Amino acid sequence: MTGIQAEMGAMREALMRLVRIEEQHAATQDAVRRSFERLDKLDERLDALDEQVAGIRGPLMWLAGIAASVVAGLVSLFIGRGL
C-alpha cells in the first residue's frame, strides 16, 4: 500500500508539471499568434507604402526629365554666350 501511495504521489507531481508545461505552451502559442498578427499588419502597411512609392515614382521621373532639360538649356545658353 505504501508503494502505491508513493507512486500515486509521483504521478500527481508529474501531472502537475505537465499542467504547468501546457500552460506555458498555451502562453507561447498566444505570443506567437499575436506576433504573426502584428507581422500581417506591418505587411499590409508595407504594401500600402509600396503602392504610394510606385505612384510617386512616375511624376518624379517626369519632373527629373524637365529639370534635366532646363539645366541642359541653361548650359547651352551659357556656352553659346561665351562663344
PDB file of N, CA and C in Angstrom:
ATOM      1  N   MET A   1       0.821  -1.194   0.000  1.00  0.00           N
ATOM      2  CA  MET A   1       0.000   0.000   0.000  1.00  0.00           C
ATOM      3  C   MET A   1       0.873   1.270   0.000  1.00  0.00           C
ATOM      4  N   THR A   2       1.916   1.249   0.763  1.00  0.00           N
ATOM      5  CA  THR A   2       2.797   2.413   0.846  1.00  0.00           C
ATOM      6  C   THR A   2       3.453   2.673  -0.500  1.00  0.00           C
ATOM      7  N   GLY A   3       3.830   1.614  -1.196  1.00  0.00           N
ATOM      8  CA  GLY A   3       4.444   1.754  -2.523  1.00  0.00           C
ATOM      9  C   GLY A   3       3.474   2.374  -3.522  1.00  0.00           C
ATOM     10  N   ILE A   4       2.212   1.962  -3.420  1.00  0.00           N
ATOM     11  CA  ILE A   4       1.200   2.508  -4.322  1.00  0.00           C
ATOM     12  C   ILE A   4       0.984   3.987  -4.041  1.00  0.00           C
ATOM     13  N   GLN A   5       0.967   4.363  -2.764  1.00  0.00           N
ATOM     14  CA  GLN A   5       0.801   5.773  -2.398  1.00  0.00           C
ATOM     15  C   GLN A   5       1.970   6.613  -2.898  1.00  0.00           C
ATOM     16  N   ALA A   6       3.164   6.052  -2.795  1.00  0.00           N
ATOM     17  CA  ALA A   6       4.356   6.775  -3.272  1.00  0.00           C
ATOM     18  C   ALA A   6       4.273   6.970  -4.787  1.00  0.00           C
ATOM     19  N   GLU A   7       3.852   5.917  -5.485  1.00  0.00           N
ATOM     20  CA  GLU A   7       3.707   6.015  -6.936  1.00  0.00           C
ATOM     21  C   GLU A   7       2.621   7.024  -7.313  1.00  0.00           C
ATOM     22  N   MET A   8       1.526   7.025  -6.565  1.00  0.00           N
ATOM     23  CA  MET A   8       0.446   7.987  -6.830  1.00  0.00           C
ATOM     24  C   MET A   8       0.945   9.418  -6.611  1.00  0.00           C
ATOM     25  N   GLY A   9       1.751   9.618  -5.585  1.00  0.00           N
ATOM     26  CA  GLY A   9       2.330  10.940  -5.322  1.00  0.00           C
ATOM     27  C   GLY A   9       3.241  11.372  -6.458  1.00  0.00           C
ATOM     28  N   ALA A  10       4.054  10.434  -6.958  1.00  0.00           N
ATOM     29  CA  ALA A  10       4.949  10.744  -8.079  1.00  0.00           C
ATOM     30  C   ALA A  10       4.138  11.065  -9.329  1.00  0.00           C
ATOM     31  N   MET A  11       3.054  10.318  -9.553  1.00  0.00           N
ATOM     32  CA  MET A  11       2.198  10.579 -10.706  1.00  0.00           C
ATOM     33  C   MET A  11       1.520  11.938 -10.587  1.00  0.00           C
ATOM     34  N   ARG A  12       1.117  12.312  -9.388  1.00  0.00           N
ATOM     35  CA  ARG A  12       0.495  13.609  -9.159  1.00  0.00           C
ATOM     36  C   ARG A  12       1.480  14.741  -9.471  1.00  0.00           C
ATOM     37  N   GLU A  13       2.728  14.584  -9.005  1.00  0.00           N
ATOM     38  CA  GLU A  13       3.746  15.599  -9.288  1.00  0.00           C
ATOM     39  C   GLU A  13       4.020  15.708 -10.788  1.00  0.00           C
ATOM     40  N   ALA A  14       4.091  14.553 -11.451  1.00  0.00           N
ATOM     41  CA  ALA A  14       4.320  14.556 -12.892  1.00  0.00           C
ATOM     42  C   ALA A  14       3.152  15.225 -13.615  1.00  0.00           C
ATOM     43  N   LEU A  15       1.947  14.966 -13.158  1.00  0.00           N
ATOM     44  CA  LEU A  15       0.769  15.574 -13.758  1.00  0.00           C
ATOM     45  C   LEU A  15       0.778  17.087 -13.553  1.00  0.00           C
ATOM     46  N   MET A  16       1.174  17.540 -12.383  1.00  0.00           N
ATOM     47  CA  MET A  16       1.247  18.981 -12.106  1.00  0.00           C
ATOM     48  C   MET A  16       2.298  19.647 -13.006  1.00  0.00           C
ATOM     49  N   ARG A  17       3.450  18.975 -13.200  1.00  0.00           N
ATOM     50  CA  ARG A  17       4.472  19.514 -14.100  1.00  0.00           C
ATOM     51  C   ARG A  17       3.930  19.608 -15.524  1.00  0.00           C
ATOM     52  N   LEU A  18       3.191  18.577 -15.931  1.00  0.00           N
ATOM     53  CA  LEU A  18       2.603  18.573 -17.261  1.00  0.00           C
ATOM     54  C   LEU A  18       1.607  19.722 -17.434  1.00  0.00           C
ATOM     55  N   VAL A  19       0.818  19.971 -16.413  1.00  0.00           N
ATOM     56  CA  VAL A  19      -0.145  21.079 -16.462  1.00  0.00           C
ATOM     57  C   VAL A  19       0.599  22.404 -16.603  1.00  0.00           C
ATOM     58  N   ARG A  20       1.692  22.586 -15.859  1.00  0.00           N
ATOM     59  CA  ARG A  20       2.473  23.824 -15.956  1.00  0.00           C
ATOM     60  C   ARG A  20       3.083  23.983 -17.346  1.00  0.00           C
ATOM     61  N   ILE A  21       3.568  22.863 -17.884  1.00  0.00           N
ATOM     62  CA  ILE A  21       4.146  22.911 -19.223  1.00  0.00           C
ATOM     63  C   ILE A  21       3.077  23.282 -20.245  1.00  0.00           C
ATOM     64  N   GLU A  22       1.888  22.722 -20.111  1.00  0.00           N
ATOM     65  CA  GLU A  22       0.795  23.048 -21.028  1.00  0.00           C
ATOM     66  C   GLU A  22       0.397  24.516 -20.920  1.00  0.00           C
ATOM     67  N   GLU A  23       0.404  25.069 -19.711  1.00  0.00           N
ATOM     68  CA  GLU A  23       0.089  26.485 -19.526  1.00  0.00           C
ATOM     69  C   GLU A  23       1.145  27.361 -20.206  1.00  0.00           C
ATOM     70  N   GLN A  24       2.415  26.974 -20.035  1.00  0.00           N
ATOM     71  CA  GLN A  24       3.486  27.731 -20.690  1.00  0.00           C
ATOM     72  C   GLN A  24       3.367  27.628 -22.207  1.00  0.00           C
ATOM     73  N   HIS A  25       3.017  26.444 -22.677  1.00  0.00           N
ATOM     74  CA  HIS A  25       2.857  26.237 -24.116  1.00  0.00           C
ATOM     75  C   HIS A  25       1.708  27.100 -24.656  1.00  0.00           C
ATOM     76  N   ALA A  26       0.627  27.166 -23.926  1.00  0.00           N
ATOM     77  CA  ALA A  26      -0.515  27.991 -24.345  1.00  0.00           C
ATOM     78  C   ALA A  26      -0.116  29.458 -24.397  1.00  0.00           C
ATOM     79  N   ALA A  27       0.663  29.910 -23.404  1.00  0.00           N
ATOM     80  CA  ALA A  27       1.122  31.303 -23.392  1.00  0.00           C
ATOM     81  C   ALA A  27       2.048  31.563 -24.583  1.00  0.00           C
ATOM     82  N   THR A  28       2.897  30.607 -24.891  1.00  0.00           N
ATOM     83  CA  THR A  28       3.810  30.748 -26.027  1.00  0.00           C
ATOM     84  C   THR A  28       3.029  30.785 -27.334  1.00  0.00           C
ATOM     85  N   GLN A  29       2.033  29.917 -27.464  1.00  0.00           N
ATOM     86  CA  GLN A  29       1.202  29.925 -28.673  1.00  0.00           C
ATOM     87  C   GLN A  29       0.494  31.264 -28.837  1.00  0.00           C
ATOM     88  N   ASP A  30       0.004  31.815 -27.737  1.00  0.00           N
ATOM     89  CA  ASP A  30      -0.675  33.109 -27.790  1.00  0.00           C
ATOM     90  C   ASP A  30       0.293  34.203 -28.243  1.00  0.00           C
ATOM     91  N   ALA A  31       1.510  34.178 -27.707  1.00  0.00           N
ATOM     92  CA  ALA A  31       2.506  35.177 -28.090  1.00  0.00           C
ATOM     93  C   ALA A  31       2.873  35.042 -29.564  1.00  0.00           C
ATOM     94  N   VAL A  32       3.012  33.827 -30.040  1.00  0.00           N
ATOM     95  CA  VAL A  32       3.341  33.609 -31.449  1.00  0.00           C
ATOM     96  C   VAL A  32       2.185  34.091 -32.331  1.00  0.00           C
ATOM     97  N   ARG A  33       0.960  33.794 -31.929  1.00  0.00           N
ATOM     98  CA  ARG A  33      -0.209  34.236 -32.692  1.00  0.00           C
ATOM     99  C   ARG A  33      -0.252  35.760 -32.776  1.00  0.00           C
ATOM    100  N   ARG A  34      -0.015  36.427 -31.633  1.00  0.00           N
ATOM    101  CA  ARG A  34      -0.013  37.893 -31.630  1.00  0.00           C
ATOM    102  C   ARG A  34       1.114  38.442 -32.505  1.00  0.00           C
ATOM    103  N   SER A  35       2.264  37.786 -32.489  1.00  0.00           N
ATOM    104  CA  SER A  35       3.392  38.225 -33.324  1.00  0.00           C
ATOM    105  C   SER A  35       3.045  38.126 -34.800  1.00  0.00           C
ATOM    106  N   PHE A  36       2.412  37.028 -35.195  1.00  0.00           N
ATOM    107  CA  PHE A  36       2.027  36.886 -36.593  1.00  0.00           C
ATOM    108  C   PHE A  36       0.952  37.890 -36.983  1.00  0.00           C
ATOM    109  N   GLU A  37       0.033  38.195 -36.082  1.00  0.00           N
ATOM    110  CA  GLU A  37      -0.968  39.221 -36.372  1.00  0.00           C
ATOM    111  C   GLU A  37      -0.295  40.568 -36.594  1.00  0.00           C
ATOM    112  N   ARG A  38       0.677  40.871 -35.755  1.00  0.00           N
ATOM    113  CA  ARG A  38       1.421  42.130 -35.887  1.00  0.00           C
ATOM    114  C   ARG A  38       2.188  42.163 -37.209  1.00  0.00           C
ATOM    115  N   LEU A  39       2.814  41.037 -37.560  1.00  0.00           N
ATOM    116  CA  LEU A  39       3.535  40.964 -38.828  1.00  0.00           C
ATOM    117  C   LEU A  39       2.596  41.148 -40.019  1.00  0.00           C
ATOM    118  N   ASP A  40       1.402  40.584 -39.928  1.00  0.00           N
ATOM    119  CA  ASP A  40       0.425  40.752 -41.007  1.00  0.00           C
ATOM    120  C   ASP A  40       0.043  42.219 -41.166  1.00  0.00           C
ATOM    121  N   LYS A  41      -0.160  42.922 -40.043  1.00  0.00           N
ATOM    122  CA  LYS A  41      -0.499  44.344 -40.115  1.00  0.00           C
ATOM    123  C   LYS A  41       0.652  45.148 -40.715  1.00  0.00           C
ATOM    124  N   LEU A  42       1.884  44.823 -40.300  1.00  0.00           N
ATOM    125  CA  LEU A  42       3.041  45.529 -40.841  1.00  0.00           C
ATOM    126  C   LEU A  42       3.210  45.239 -42.328  1.00  0.00           C
ATOM    127  N   ASP A  43       2.909  44.015 -42.730  1.00  0.00           N
ATOM    128  CA  ASP A  43       2.990  43.655 -44.145  1.00  0.00           C
ATOM    129  C   ASP A  43       1.974  44.446 -44.962  1.00  0.00           C
ATOM    130  N   GLU A  44       0.768  44.623 -44.418  1.00  0.00           N
ATOM    131  CA  GLU A  44      -0.242  45.427 -45.102  1.00  0.00           C
ATOM    132  C   GLU A  44       0.217  46.872 -45.247  1.00  0.00           C
ATOM    133  N   ARG A  45       0.813  47.416 -44.175  1.00  0.00           N
ATOM    134  CA  ARG A  45       1.307  48.796 -44.237  1.00  0.00           C
ATOM    135  C   ARG A  45       2.422  48.927 -45.269  1.00  0.00           C
ATOM    136  N   LEU A  46       3.304  47.930 -45.312  1.00  0.00           N
ATOM    137  CA  LEU A  46       4.399  47.960 -46.274  1.00  0.00           C
ATOM    138  C   LEU A  46       3.877  47.888 -47.705  1.00  0.00           C
ATOM    139  N   ASP A  47       2.864  47.078 -47.931  1.00  0.00           N
ATOM    140  CA  ASP A  47       2.256  47.008 -49.261  1.00  0.00           C
ATOM    141  C   ASP A  47       1.660  48.362 -49.655  1.00  0.00           C
ATOM    142  N   ALA A  48       0.995  49.021 -48.706  1.00  0.00           N
ATOM    143  CA  ALA A  48       0.414  50.337 -48.983  1.00  0.00           C
ATOM    144  C   ALA A  48       1.504  51.355 -49.312  1.00  0.00           C
ATOM    145  N   LEU A  49       2.614  51.302 -48.582  1.00  0.00           N
ATOM    146  CA  LEU A  49       3.724  52.221 -48.862  1.00  0.00           C
ATOM    147  C   LEU A  49       4.344  51.936 -50.222  1.00  0.00           C
ATOM    148  N   ASP A  50       4.467  50.666 -50.584  1.00  0.00           N
ATOM    149  CA  ASP A  50       4.988  50.313 -51.911  1.00  0.00           C
ATOM    150  C   ASP A  50       4.111  50.899 -53.006  1.00  0.00           C
ATOM    151  N   GLU A  51       2.801  50.830 -52.817  1.00  0.00           N
ATOM    152  CA  GLU A  51       1.882  51.393 -53.810  1.00  0.00           C
ATOM    153  C   GLU A  51       2.039  52.906 -53.897  1.00  0.00           C
ATOM    154  N   GLN A  52       2.207  53.571 -52.758  1.00  0.00           N
ATOM    155  CA  GLN A  52       2.383  55.020 -52.766  1.00  0.00           C
ATOM    156  C   GLN A  52       3.676  55.409 -53.466  1.00  0.00           C
ATOM    157  N   VAL A  53       4.744  54.680 -53.195  1.00  0.00           N
ATOM    158  CA  VAL A  53       6.034  54.981 -53.830  1.00  0.00           C
ATOM    159  C   VAL A  53       5.930  54.766 -55.334  1.00  0.00           C
ATOM    160  N   ALA A  54       5.258  53.703 -55.735  1.00  0.00           N
ATOM    161  CA  ALA A  54       5.093  53.449 -57.167  1.00  0.00           C
ATOM    162  C   ALA A  54       4.298  54.575 -57.817  1.00  0.00           C
ATOM    163  N   GLY A  55       3.322  55.120 -57.120  1.00  0.00           N
ATOM    164  CA  GLY A  55       2.529  56.225 -57.651  1.00  0.00           C
ATOM    165  C   GLY A  55       3.313  57.518 -57.742  1.00  0.00           C
ATOM    166  N   ILE A  56       4.260  57.694 -56.862  1.00  0.00           N
ATOM    167  CA  ILE A  56       5.065  58.920 -56.844  1.00  0.00           C
ATOM    168  C   ILE A  56       6.222  58.838 -57.836  1.00  0.00           C
ATOM    169  N   ARG A  57       6.696  57.655 -58.079  1.00  0.00           N
ATOM    170  CA  ARG A  57       7.880  57.480 -58.923  1.00  0.00           C
ATOM    171  C   ARG A  57       7.677  58.037 -60.336  1.00  0.00           C
ATOM    172  N   GLY A  58       6.520  57.834 -60.926  1.00  0.00           N
ATOM    173  CA  GLY A  58       6.264  58.329 -62.285  1.00  0.00           C
ATOM    174  C   GLY A  58       6.384  59.835 -62.389  1.00  0.00           C
ATOM    175  N   PRO A  59       5.630  60.590 -61.573  1.00  0.00           N
ATOM    176  CA  PRO A  59       5.754  62.057 -61.639  1.00  0.00           C
ATOM    177  C   PRO A  59       7.157  62.548 -61.303  1.00  0.00           C
ATOM    178  N   LEU A  60       7.859  61.868 -60.394  1.00  0.00           N
ATOM    179  CA  LEU A  60       9.224  62.302 -60.070  1.00  0.00           C
ATOM    180  C   LEU A  60      10.153  62.127 -61.268  1.00  0.00           C
ATOM    181  N   MET A  61       9.988  61.058 -62.003  1.00  0.00           N
ATOM    182  CA  MET A  61      10.819  60.849 -63.190  1.00  0.00           C
ATOM    183  C   MET A  61      10.505  61.914 -64.244  1.00  0.00           C
ATOM    184  N   TRP A  62       9.243  62.270 -64.356  1.00  0.00           N
ATOM    185  CA  TRP A  62       8.831  63.297 -65.295  1.00  0.00           C
ATOM    186  C   TRP A  62       9.454  64.644 -64.912  1.00  0.00           C
ATOM    187  N   LEU A  63       9.386  64.979 -63.616  1.00  0.00           N
ATOM    188  CA  LEU A  63       9.992  66.230 -63.144  1.00  0.00           C
ATOM    189  C   LEU A  63      11.503  66.211 -63.310  1.00  0.00           C
ATOM    190  N   ALA A  64      12.130  65.073 -63.082  1.00  0.00           N
ATOM    191  CA  ALA A  64      13.579  64.976 -63.271  1.00  0.00           C
ATOM    192  C   ALA A  64      13.938  65.212 -64.731  1.00  0.00           C
ATOM    193  N   GLY A  65      13.118  64.726 -65.651  1.00  0.00           N
ATOM    194  CA  GLY A  65      13.356  64.963 -67.077  1.00  0.00           C
ATOM    195  C   GLY A  65      13.257  66.435 -67.425  1.00  0.00           C
ATOM    196  N   ILE A  66      12.261  67.103 -66.850  1.00  0.00           N
ATOM    197  CA  ILE A  66      12.107  68.542 -67.081  1.00  0.00           C
ATOM    198  C   ILE A  66      13.306  69.297 -66.523  1.00  0.00           C
ATOM    199  N   ALA A  67      13.714  68.940 -65.306  1.00  0.00           N
ATOM    200  CA  ALA A  67      14.857  69.613 -64.687  1.00  0.00           C
ATOM    201  C   ALA A  67      16.119  69.401 -65.515  1.00  0.00           C
ATOM    202  N   ALA A  68      16.319  68.205 -66.035  1.00  0.00           N
ATOM    203  CA  ALA A  68      17.498  67.937 -66.859  1.00  0.00           C
ATOM    204  C   ALA A  68      17.452  68.762 -68.141  1.00  0.00           C
ATOM    205  N   SER A  69      16.264  68.910 -68.714  1.00  0.00           N
ATOM    206  CA  SER A  69      16.127  69.716 -69.937  1.00  0.00           C
ATOM    207  C   SER A  69      16.432  71.177 -69.657  1.00  0.00           C
ATOM    208  N   VAL A  70      15.946  71.685 -68.522  1.00  0.00           N
ATOM    209  CA  VAL A  70      16.205  73.086 -68.157  1.00  0.00           C
ATOM    210  C   VAL A  70      17.697  73.300 -67.942  1.00  0.00           C
ATOM    211  N   VAL A  71      18.328  72.378 -67.224  1.00  0.00           N
ATOM    212  CA  VAL A  71      19.771  72.514 -66.972  1.00  0.00           C
ATOM    213  C   VAL A  71      20.539  72.457 -68.291  1.00  0.00           C
ATOM    214  N   ALA A  72      20.160  71.530 -69.167  1.00  0.00           N
ATOM    215  CA  ALA A  72      20.844  71.435 -70.458  1.00  0.00           C
ATOM    216  C   ALA A  72      20.641  72.714 -71.264  1.00  0.00           C
ATOM    217  N   GLY A  73      19.448  73.271 -71.208  1.00  0.00           N
ATOM    218  CA  GLY A  73      19.190  74.526 -71.918  1.00  0.00           C
ATOM    219  C   GLY A  73      20.022  75.664 -71.368  1.00  0.00           C
ATOM    220  N   LEU A  74      20.115  75.753 -70.035  1.00  0.00           N
ATOM    221  CA  LEU A  74      20.916  76.821 -69.426  1.00  0.00           C
ATOM    222  C   LEU A  74      22.392  76.660 -69.751  1.00  0.00           C
ATOM    223  N   VAL A  75      22.874  75.430 -69.717  1.00  0.00           N
ATOM    224  CA  VAL A  75      24.284  75.196 -70.039  1.00  0.00           C
ATOM    225  C   VAL A  75      24.555  75.585 -71.483  1.00  0.00           C
ATOM    226  N   SER A  76      23.671  75.209 -72.384  1.00  0.00           N
ATOM    227  CA  SER A  76      23.888  75.562 -73.799  1.00  0.00           C
ATOM    228  C   SER A  76      23.797  77.073 -73.991  1.00  0.00           C
ATOM    229  N   LEU A  77      22.934  77.749 -73.221  1.00  0.00           N
ATOM    230  CA  LEU A  77      22.821  79.196 -73.302  1.00  0.00           C
ATOM    231  C   LEU A  77      24.116  79.862 -72.863  1.00  0.00           C
ATOM    232  N   PHE A  78      24.673  79.396 -71.729  1.00  0.00           N
ATOM    233  CA  PHE A  78      25.929  79.977 -71.233  1.00  0.00           C
ATOM    234  C   PHE A  78      27.078  79.671 -72.161  1.00  0.00           C
ATOM    235  N   ILE A  79      27.103  78.487 -72.724  1.00  0.00           N
ATOM    236  CA  ILE A  79      28.175  78.141 -73.672  1.00  0.00           C
ATOM    237  C   ILE A  79      28.011  78.981 -74.927  1.00  0.00           C
ATOM    238  N   GLY A  80      26.766  79.176 -75.394  1.00  0.00           N
ATOM    239  CA  GLY A  80      26.523  79.983 -76.592  1.00  0.00           C
ATOM    240  C   GLY A  80      26.928  81.438 -76.402  1.00  0.00           C
ATOM    241  N   ARG A  81      26.708  81.972 -75.223  1.00  0.00           N
ATOM    242  CA  ARG A  81      27.092  83.371 -74.959  1.00  0.00           C
ATOM    243  C   ARG A  81      28.595  83.519 -74.810  1.00  0.00           C
ATOM    244  N   GLY A  82      29.203  82.451 -74.334  1.00  0.00           N
ATOM    245  CA  GLY A  82      30.658  82.508 -74.157  1.00  0.00           C
ATOM    246  C   GLY A  82      31.411  82.439 -75.461  1.00  0.00           C
ATOM    247  N   LEU A  83      30.788  81.899 -76.491  1.00  0.00           N
ATOM    248  CA  LEU A  83      31.474  81.804 -77.777  1.00  0.00           C
ATOM    249  C   LEU A  83      31.258  83.010 -78.551  1.00  0.00           C
TER     250      LEU A  83
END
